[in-house]
């Protein structure tokens, strides 16, 4: 059985297409997750500030 010479020349192009599609999918899935994480972190920061102010009030009462 012989191999076609042109079939090996297309392999890098197919791999590039697969990597581009994978990058697009990862970007579209990870970006909303990171946005959600930043919103949660902002809420946690506000709670931490309230806790710290309460703790300072108890210590310096």
C-alpha atoms as a PDB file:
ATOM      1  CA  UNK A   1       0.000   0.000   0.000  1.00  0.00           C
ATOM      2  CA  UNK A   2       1.435   3.374  -0.947  1.00  0.00           C
ATOM      3  CA  UNK A   3       0.982   6.602   0.837  1.00  0.00           C
ATOM      4  CA  UNK A   4      -0.046   9.734  -0.974  1.00  0.00           C
ATOM      5  CA  UNK A   5       2.603  12.380  -0.812  1.00  0.00           C
ATOM      6  CA  UNK A   6       0.076  15.193  -0.417  1.00  0.00           C
ATOM      7  CA  UNK A   7      -1.577  13.681   2.628  1.00  0.00           C
ATOM      8  CA  UNK A   8       1.365  14.497   4.914  1.00  0.00           C
ATOM      9  CA  UNK A   9       1.459  18.115   3.742  1.00  0.00           C
ATOM     10  CA  UNK A  10      -2.086  18.766   5.004  1.00  0.00           C
ATOM     11  CA  UNK A  11      -1.460  17.498   8.531  1.00  0.00           C
ATOM     12  CA  UNK A  12      -0.037  20.785   9.954  1.00  0.00           C
ATOM     13  CA  UNK A  13      -2.953  22.721   8.486  1.00  0.00           C
ATOM     14  CA  UNK A  14      -5.478  20.370  10.091  1.00  0.00           C
ATOM     15  CA  UNK A  15      -3.671  20.613  13.415  1.00  0.00           C
ATOM     16  CA  UNK A  16      -3.695  24.415  13.188  1.00  0.00           C
ATOM     17  CA  UNK A  17      -7.433  24.375  12.517  1.00  0.00           C
ATOM     18  CA  UNK A  18      -8.012  22.078  15.495  1.00  0.00           C
ATOM     19  CA  UNK A  19      -5.904  24.315  17.767  1.00  0.00           C
ATOM     20  CA  UNK A  20      -7.748  27.435  16.629  1.00  0.00           C
ATOM     21  CA  UNK A  21     -11.133  25.822  17.268  1.00  0.00           C
ATOM     22  CA  UNK A  22      -9.962  24.583  20.679  1.00  0.00           C
ATOM     23  CA  UNK A  23      -8.671  28.050  21.586  1.00  0.00           C
ATOM     24  CA  UNK A  24     -11.981  29.631  20.613  1.00  0.00           C
ATOM     25  CA  UNK A  25     -13.940  27.098  22.661  1.00  0.00           C
ATOM     26  CA  UNK A  26     -11.687  27.505  25.696  1.00  0.00           C
ATOM     27  CA  UNK A  27     -11.917  31.293  25.456  1.00  0.00           C
ATOM     28  CA  UNK A  28     -15.712  31.255  25.218  1.00  0.00           C
ATOM     29  CA  UNK A  29     -16.014  28.857  28.169  1.00  0.00           C
ATOM     30  CA  UNK A  30     -13.351  30.313  30.473  1.00  0.00           C
ATOM     31  CA  UNK A  31     -14.173  34.003  30.048  1.00  0.00           C
ATOM     32  CA  UNK A  32     -17.661  33.766  31.631  1.00  0.00           C
ATOM     33  CA  UNK A  33     -16.245  31.630  34.449  1.00  0.00           C
ATOM     34  CA  UNK A  34     -13.604  34.239  35.223  1.00  0.00           C
ATOM     35  CA  UNK A  35     -16.189  37.026  35.094  1.00  0.00           C
ATOM     36  CA  UNK A  36     -18.374  35.118  37.543  1.00  0.00           C
ATOM     37  CA  UNK A  37     -15.390  34.501  39.821  1.00  0.00           C
ATOM     38  CA  UNK A  38     -14.557  38.208  39.872  1.00  0.00           C
ATOM     39  CA  UNK A  39     -18.126  39.043  40.871  1.00  0.00           C
ATOM     40  CA  UNK A  40     -18.010  36.506  43.710  1.00  0.00           C
ATOM     41  CA  UNK A  41     -14.619  37.791  44.836  1.00  0.00           C
ATOM     42  CA  UNK A  42     -15.972  41.342  44.934  1.00  0.00           C
ATOM     43  CA  UNK A  43     -18.823  40.217  47.181  1.00  0.00           C
ATOM     44  CA  UNK A  44     -16.399  38.382  49.444  1.00  0.00           C
ATOM     45  CA  UNK A  45     -14.249  41.486  49.685  1.00  0.00           C
ATOM     46  CA  UNK A  46     -17.208  43.531  50.917  1.00  0.00           C
ATOM     47  CA  UNK A  47     -18.026  40.873  53.534  1.00  0.00           C
ATOM     48  CA  UNK A  48     -14.391  40.826  54.672  1.00  0.00           C
ATOM     49  CA  UNK A  49     -14.429  44.600  55.114  1.00  0.00           C
ATOM     50  CA  UNK A  50     -17.553  44.400  57.246  1.00  0.00           C
ATOM     51  CA  UNK A  51     -16.040  41.633  59.357  1.00  0.00           C
ATOM     52  CA  UNK A  52     -12.806  43.581  59.843  1.00  0.00           C
ATOM     53  CA  UNK A  53     -14.646  46.716  60.891  1.00  0.00           C
ATOM     54  CA  UNK A  54     -16.717  44.694  63.372  1.00  0.00           C
ATOM     55  CA  UNK A  55     -13.608  43.022  64.774  1.00  0.00           C
ATOM     56  CA  UNK A  56     -11.862  46.379  65.157  1.00  0.00           C
ATOM     57  CA  UNK A  57     -14.897  47.770  66.975  1.00  0.00           C
ATOM     58  CA  UNK A  58     -14.784  44.841  69.422  1.00  0.00           C
ATOM     59  CA  UNK A  59     -11.026  45.128  70.001  1.00  0.00           C
ATOM     60  CA  UNK A  60     -10.934  48.895  70.504  1.00  0.00           C
ATOM     61  CA  UNK A  61     -14.199  49.163  72.441  1.00  0.00           C
END
